[in-house]
């Protein structure tokens, strides 16, 4: 477990360094990048980021359906977030069908 945790910390640090040197940030924005920026803003701790990345790497297939279920429940419980998400989807997609 310590070895795996250490490996995750190394991967996250490598990703953090890569993000600090890229010219076009939007080309490198993925979920791990979002987690790193959330930590930079103080929204997450380093341990939160490590745990999320670890879970993505080893447990994603088993937890995806549960995660999506809870995400949908949280969106339903927070209509302002849902509205913001819909605005962003419309901004990105325009008139295209989803």
N, C-alpha and C. Protein backbone atom coordinates (compact mmCIF):
# COMPACT_ATOMS: atom_id res chain seq x y z
N UNK A 1 0.81 -1.20 0.00
CA UNK A 1 0.00 0.00 0.00
C UNK A 1 0.86 1.27 0.00
N UNK A 2 1.98 1.23 0.78
CA UNK A 2 2.87 2.39 0.80
C UNK A 2 3.52 2.59 -0.56
N UNK A 3 3.89 1.47 -1.22
CA UNK A 3 4.51 1.56 -2.54
C UNK A 3 3.55 2.17 -3.55
N UNK A 4 2.31 1.75 -3.49
CA UNK A 4 1.29 2.27 -4.41
C UNK A 4 1.04 3.75 -4.14
N UNK A 5 0.95 4.11 -2.87
CA UNK A 5 0.75 5.51 -2.51
C UNK A 5 1.92 6.36 -2.99
N UNK A 6 3.13 5.86 -2.82
CA UNK A 6 4.32 6.57 -3.28
C UNK A 6 4.33 6.73 -4.80
N UNK A 7 3.92 5.69 -5.49
CA UNK A 7 3.86 5.74 -6.95
C UNK A 7 2.85 6.80 -7.40
N UNK A 8 1.70 6.88 -6.72
CA UNK A 8 0.69 7.88 -7.05
C UNK A 8 1.24 9.29 -6.83
N UNK A 9 1.94 9.47 -5.73
CA UNK A 9 2.52 10.79 -5.45
C UNK A 9 3.50 11.20 -6.54
N UNK A 10 4.29 10.24 -7.02
CA UNK A 10 5.25 10.53 -8.09
C UNK A 10 4.51 10.90 -9.37
N UNK A 11 3.49 10.14 -9.73
CA UNK A 11 2.72 10.43 -10.93
C UNK A 11 2.06 11.80 -10.86
N UNK A 12 1.50 12.13 -9.71
CA UNK A 12 0.84 13.42 -9.54
C UNK A 12 1.86 14.56 -9.64
N UNK A 13 3.01 14.37 -9.05
CA UNK A 13 4.05 15.40 -9.14
C UNK A 13 4.52 15.58 -10.57
N UNK A 14 4.65 14.48 -11.31
CA UNK A 14 5.03 14.57 -12.72
C UNK A 14 3.97 15.35 -13.51
N UNK A 15 2.72 15.07 -13.22
CA UNK A 15 1.63 15.77 -13.90
C UNK A 15 1.65 17.25 -13.52
N UNK A 16 1.87 17.55 -12.25
CA UNK A 16 1.94 18.94 -11.78
C UNK A 16 3.06 19.69 -12.51
N UNK A 17 4.23 19.05 -12.64
CA UNK A 17 5.36 19.69 -13.34
C UNK A 17 5.05 19.91 -14.81
N UNK A 18 4.40 18.94 -15.42
CA UNK A 18 4.03 19.08 -16.83
C UNK A 18 3.07 20.25 -17.01
N UNK A 19 2.09 20.37 -16.12
CA UNK A 19 1.12 21.46 -16.21
C UNK A 19 1.79 22.82 -16.07
N UNK A 20 2.85 22.87 -15.27
CA UNK A 20 3.51 24.16 -15.04
C UNK A 20 4.36 24.60 -16.23
N UNK A 21 4.61 23.70 -17.19
CA UNK A 21 5.48 24.04 -18.32
C UNK A 21 4.76 24.11 -19.66
N UNK A 22 3.50 23.70 -19.72
CA UNK A 22 2.81 23.69 -21.01
C UNK A 22 2.44 25.11 -21.43
N UNK A 23 2.40 25.31 -22.75
CA UNK A 23 2.02 26.62 -23.27
C UNK A 23 0.51 26.77 -23.35
N UNK A 24 -0.17 25.72 -23.82
CA UNK A 24 -1.62 25.76 -23.95
C UNK A 24 -2.23 24.82 -22.93
N UNK A 25 -2.69 25.39 -21.84
CA UNK A 25 -3.20 24.60 -20.73
C UNK A 25 -4.44 23.81 -21.13
N UNK A 26 -5.31 24.39 -21.95
CA UNK A 26 -6.56 23.73 -22.28
C UNK A 26 -6.36 22.39 -22.99
N UNK A 27 -5.21 22.18 -23.63
CA UNK A 27 -4.94 20.91 -24.30
C UNK A 27 -4.56 19.81 -23.30
N UNK A 28 -4.28 20.19 -22.07
CA UNK A 28 -3.83 19.22 -21.07
C UNK A 28 -4.78 19.11 -19.88
N UNK A 29 -6.00 19.63 -20.04
CA UNK A 29 -6.94 19.59 -18.93
C UNK A 29 -7.70 18.27 -18.94
N UNK A 30 -7.48 17.50 -17.93
CA UNK A 30 -8.20 16.26 -17.72
C UNK A 30 -8.59 16.22 -16.24
N UNK A 31 -9.14 15.11 -15.81
CA UNK A 31 -9.61 15.04 -14.43
C UNK A 31 -8.48 15.20 -13.42
N UNK A 32 -7.34 14.59 -13.70
CA UNK A 32 -6.20 14.72 -12.79
C UNK A 32 -5.75 16.18 -12.71
N UNK A 33 -5.75 16.87 -13.85
CA UNK A 33 -5.39 18.29 -13.85
C UNK A 33 -6.36 19.10 -13.02
N UNK A 34 -7.64 18.81 -13.16
CA UNK A 34 -8.66 19.51 -12.37
C UNK A 34 -8.43 19.29 -10.88
N UNK A 35 -8.08 18.07 -10.51
CA UNK A 35 -7.81 17.77 -9.10
C UNK A 35 -6.61 18.58 -8.59
N UNK A 36 -5.57 18.65 -9.40
CA UNK A 36 -4.38 19.40 -9.01
C UNK A 36 -4.71 20.88 -8.83
N UNK A 37 -5.49 21.44 -9.75
CA UNK A 37 -5.86 22.85 -9.62
C UNK A 37 -6.78 23.08 -8.42
N UNK A 38 -7.63 22.10 -8.12
CA UNK A 38 -8.48 22.22 -6.93
C UNK A 38 -7.62 22.24 -5.67
N UNK A 39 -6.55 21.47 -5.67
CA UNK A 39 -5.62 21.50 -4.53
C UNK A 39 -4.92 22.85 -4.46
N UNK A 40 -4.50 23.36 -5.62
CA UNK A 40 -3.83 24.67 -5.65
C UNK A 40 -4.73 25.77 -5.10
N UNK A 41 -6.05 25.66 -5.37
CA UNK A 41 -7.01 26.66 -4.87
C UNK A 41 -7.33 26.45 -3.39
N UNK A 42 -6.95 25.31 -2.85
CA UNK A 42 -7.25 25.01 -1.46
C UNK A 42 -8.56 24.26 -1.28
N UNK A 43 -9.17 23.81 -2.39
CA UNK A 43 -10.43 23.07 -2.31
C UNK A 43 -10.21 21.62 -1.90
N UNK A 44 -9.03 21.07 -2.19
CA UNK A 44 -8.69 19.70 -1.85
C UNK A 44 -7.32 19.67 -1.19
N UNK A 45 -7.09 18.65 -0.39
CA UNK A 45 -5.76 18.45 0.19
C UNK A 45 -4.95 17.55 -0.75
N UNK A 46 -3.65 17.47 -0.52
CA UNK A 46 -2.81 16.57 -1.31
C UNK A 46 -3.29 15.13 -1.14
N UNK A 47 -3.71 14.78 0.08
CA UNK A 47 -4.22 13.43 0.34
C UNK A 47 -5.49 13.17 -0.46
N UNK A 48 -6.38 14.17 -0.57
CA UNK A 48 -7.60 14.02 -1.38
C UNK A 48 -7.24 13.72 -2.83
N UNK A 49 -6.30 14.49 -3.37
CA UNK A 49 -5.89 14.31 -4.76
C UNK A 49 -5.28 12.93 -4.95
N UNK A 50 -4.38 12.54 -4.05
CA UNK A 50 -3.76 11.21 -4.15
C UNK A 50 -4.80 10.11 -4.13
N UNK A 51 -5.76 10.22 -3.23
CA UNK A 51 -6.79 9.19 -3.10
C UNK A 51 -7.65 9.12 -4.34
N UNK A 52 -8.03 10.27 -4.89
CA UNK A 52 -8.85 10.28 -6.10
C UNK A 52 -8.11 9.64 -7.27
N UNK A 53 -6.84 9.99 -7.45
CA UNK A 53 -6.06 9.41 -8.55
C UNK A 53 -5.89 7.91 -8.35
N UNK A 54 -5.61 7.51 -7.13
CA UNK A 54 -5.47 6.09 -6.83
C UNK A 54 -6.75 5.34 -7.17
N UNK A 55 -7.87 5.89 -6.75
CA UNK A 55 -9.15 5.23 -7.04
C UNK A 55 -9.43 5.18 -8.53
N UNK A 56 -9.05 6.23 -9.24
CA UNK A 56 -9.24 6.21 -10.70
C UNK A 56 -8.42 5.09 -11.33
N UNK A 57 -7.21 4.89 -10.82
CA UNK A 57 -6.31 3.92 -11.42
C UNK A 57 -6.71 2.47 -11.13
N UNK A 58 -7.17 2.20 -9.90
CA UNK A 58 -7.39 0.79 -9.54
C UNK A 58 -8.85 0.41 -9.38
N UNK A 59 -9.72 1.37 -9.19
CA UNK A 59 -11.09 1.00 -8.87
C UNK A 59 -12.13 1.57 -9.83
N UNK A 60 -11.70 2.27 -10.83
CA UNK A 60 -12.65 2.96 -11.71
C UNK A 60 -13.73 2.05 -12.29
N UNK A 61 -13.37 0.90 -12.84
CA UNK A 61 -14.44 0.08 -13.43
C UNK A 61 -15.52 -0.32 -12.42
N UNK A 62 -15.11 -0.63 -11.20
CA UNK A 62 -16.08 -1.09 -10.20
C UNK A 62 -16.88 0.06 -9.60
N UNK A 63 -16.31 1.23 -9.58
CA UNK A 63 -16.98 2.33 -8.88
C UNK A 63 -17.66 3.32 -9.82
N UNK A 64 -17.46 3.17 -11.11
CA UNK A 64 -18.01 4.14 -12.04
C UNK A 64 -19.52 4.27 -11.93
N UNK A 65 -20.23 3.16 -11.89
CA UNK A 65 -21.69 3.24 -11.84
C UNK A 65 -22.16 3.88 -10.54
N UNK A 66 -21.52 3.56 -9.43
CA UNK A 66 -21.88 4.15 -8.14
C UNK A 66 -21.58 5.65 -8.15
N UNK A 67 -20.42 6.01 -8.68
CA UNK A 67 -20.03 7.42 -8.75
C UNK A 67 -21.02 8.21 -9.60
N UNK A 68 -21.38 7.68 -10.75
CA UNK A 68 -22.34 8.37 -11.61
C UNK A 68 -23.69 8.51 -10.92
N UNK A 69 -24.11 7.47 -10.23
CA UNK A 69 -25.37 7.53 -9.50
C UNK A 69 -25.37 8.67 -8.49
N UNK A 70 -24.32 8.74 -7.67
CA UNK A 70 -24.25 9.79 -6.66
C UNK A 70 -24.06 11.16 -7.28
N UNK A 71 -23.34 11.24 -8.39
CA UNK A 71 -23.18 12.51 -9.08
C UNK A 71 -24.54 13.02 -9.55
N UNK A 72 -25.33 12.14 -10.12
CA UNK A 72 -26.66 12.54 -10.59
C UNK A 72 -27.56 12.97 -9.43
N UNK A 73 -27.46 12.28 -8.31
CA UNK A 73 -28.24 12.68 -7.13
C UNK A 73 -27.81 14.06 -6.65
N UNK A 74 -26.50 14.30 -6.58
CA UNK A 74 -26.00 15.61 -6.14
C UNK A 74 -26.43 16.72 -7.09
N UNK A 75 -26.38 16.44 -8.39
CA UNK A 75 -26.83 17.44 -9.36
C UNK A 75 -28.31 17.74 -9.14
N UNK A 76 -29.10 16.70 -8.93
CA UNK A 76 -30.54 16.90 -8.71
C UNK A 76 -30.82 17.69 -7.44
N UNK A 77 -29.97 17.53 -6.44
CA UNK A 77 -30.15 18.25 -5.17
C UNK A 77 -29.65 19.70 -5.23
N UNK A 78 -28.92 20.04 -6.27
CA UNK A 78 -28.35 21.39 -6.39
C UNK A 78 -28.70 21.97 -7.76
N UNK A 79 -29.91 22.50 -7.90
CA UNK A 79 -30.38 22.98 -9.22
C UNK A 79 -29.52 24.10 -9.81
N UNK A 80 -28.90 24.92 -8.98
CA UNK A 80 -28.06 25.99 -9.55
C UNK A 80 -26.84 25.40 -10.23
N UNK A 81 -26.30 24.32 -9.67
CA UNK A 81 -25.17 23.64 -10.31
C UNK A 81 -25.62 23.03 -11.63
N UNK A 82 -26.80 22.43 -11.62
CA UNK A 82 -27.34 21.84 -12.84
C UNK A 82 -27.50 22.90 -13.92
N UNK A 83 -28.01 24.07 -13.54
CA UNK A 83 -28.18 25.16 -14.50
C UNK A 83 -26.83 25.61 -15.07
N UNK A 84 -25.83 25.71 -14.20
CA UNK A 84 -24.50 26.10 -14.67
C UNK A 84 -23.94 25.06 -15.63
N UNK A 85 -24.14 23.79 -15.31
CA UNK A 85 -23.66 22.72 -16.19
C UNK A 85 -24.35 22.79 -17.55
N UNK A 86 -25.64 23.03 -17.54
CA UNK A 86 -26.39 23.11 -18.80
C UNK A 86 -25.92 24.29 -19.64
N UNK A 87 -25.65 25.43 -18.98
CA UNK A 87 -25.14 26.60 -19.71
C UNK A 87 -23.79 26.28 -20.35
N UNK A 88 -22.94 25.59 -19.61
CA UNK A 88 -21.62 25.25 -20.14
C UNK A 88 -21.75 24.29 -21.32
N UNK A 89 -22.62 23.31 -21.20
CA UNK A 89 -22.85 22.37 -22.30
C UNK A 89 -23.34 23.12 -23.53
N UNK A 90 -24.30 24.03 -23.34
CA UNK A 90 -24.82 24.80 -24.47
C UNK A 90 -23.75 25.69 -25.08
N UNK A 91 -22.88 26.26 -24.24
CA UNK A 91 -21.79 27.10 -24.74
C UNK A 91 -20.83 26.30 -25.60
N UNK A 92 -20.49 25.11 -25.13
CA UNK A 92 -19.53 24.27 -25.85
C UNK A 92 -20.16 23.63 -27.08
N UNK A 93 -21.35 23.11 -26.92
CA UNK A 93 -21.98 22.34 -28.00
C UNK A 93 -22.75 23.20 -29.00
N UNK A 94 -23.19 24.38 -28.58
CA UNK A 94 -23.99 25.22 -29.48
C UNK A 94 -25.27 24.52 -29.87
N UNK A 95 -25.52 24.47 -31.17
CA UNK A 95 -26.75 23.86 -31.68
C UNK A 95 -26.59 22.38 -31.99
N UNK A 96 -25.38 21.86 -31.77
CA UNK A 96 -25.15 20.44 -32.06
C UNK A 96 -25.96 19.55 -31.14
N UNK A 97 -26.34 18.39 -31.66
CA UNK A 97 -27.04 17.43 -30.82
C UNK A 97 -26.04 16.71 -29.94
N UNK A 98 -26.48 16.37 -28.73
CA UNK A 98 -25.61 15.61 -27.82
C UNK A 98 -25.67 14.14 -28.15
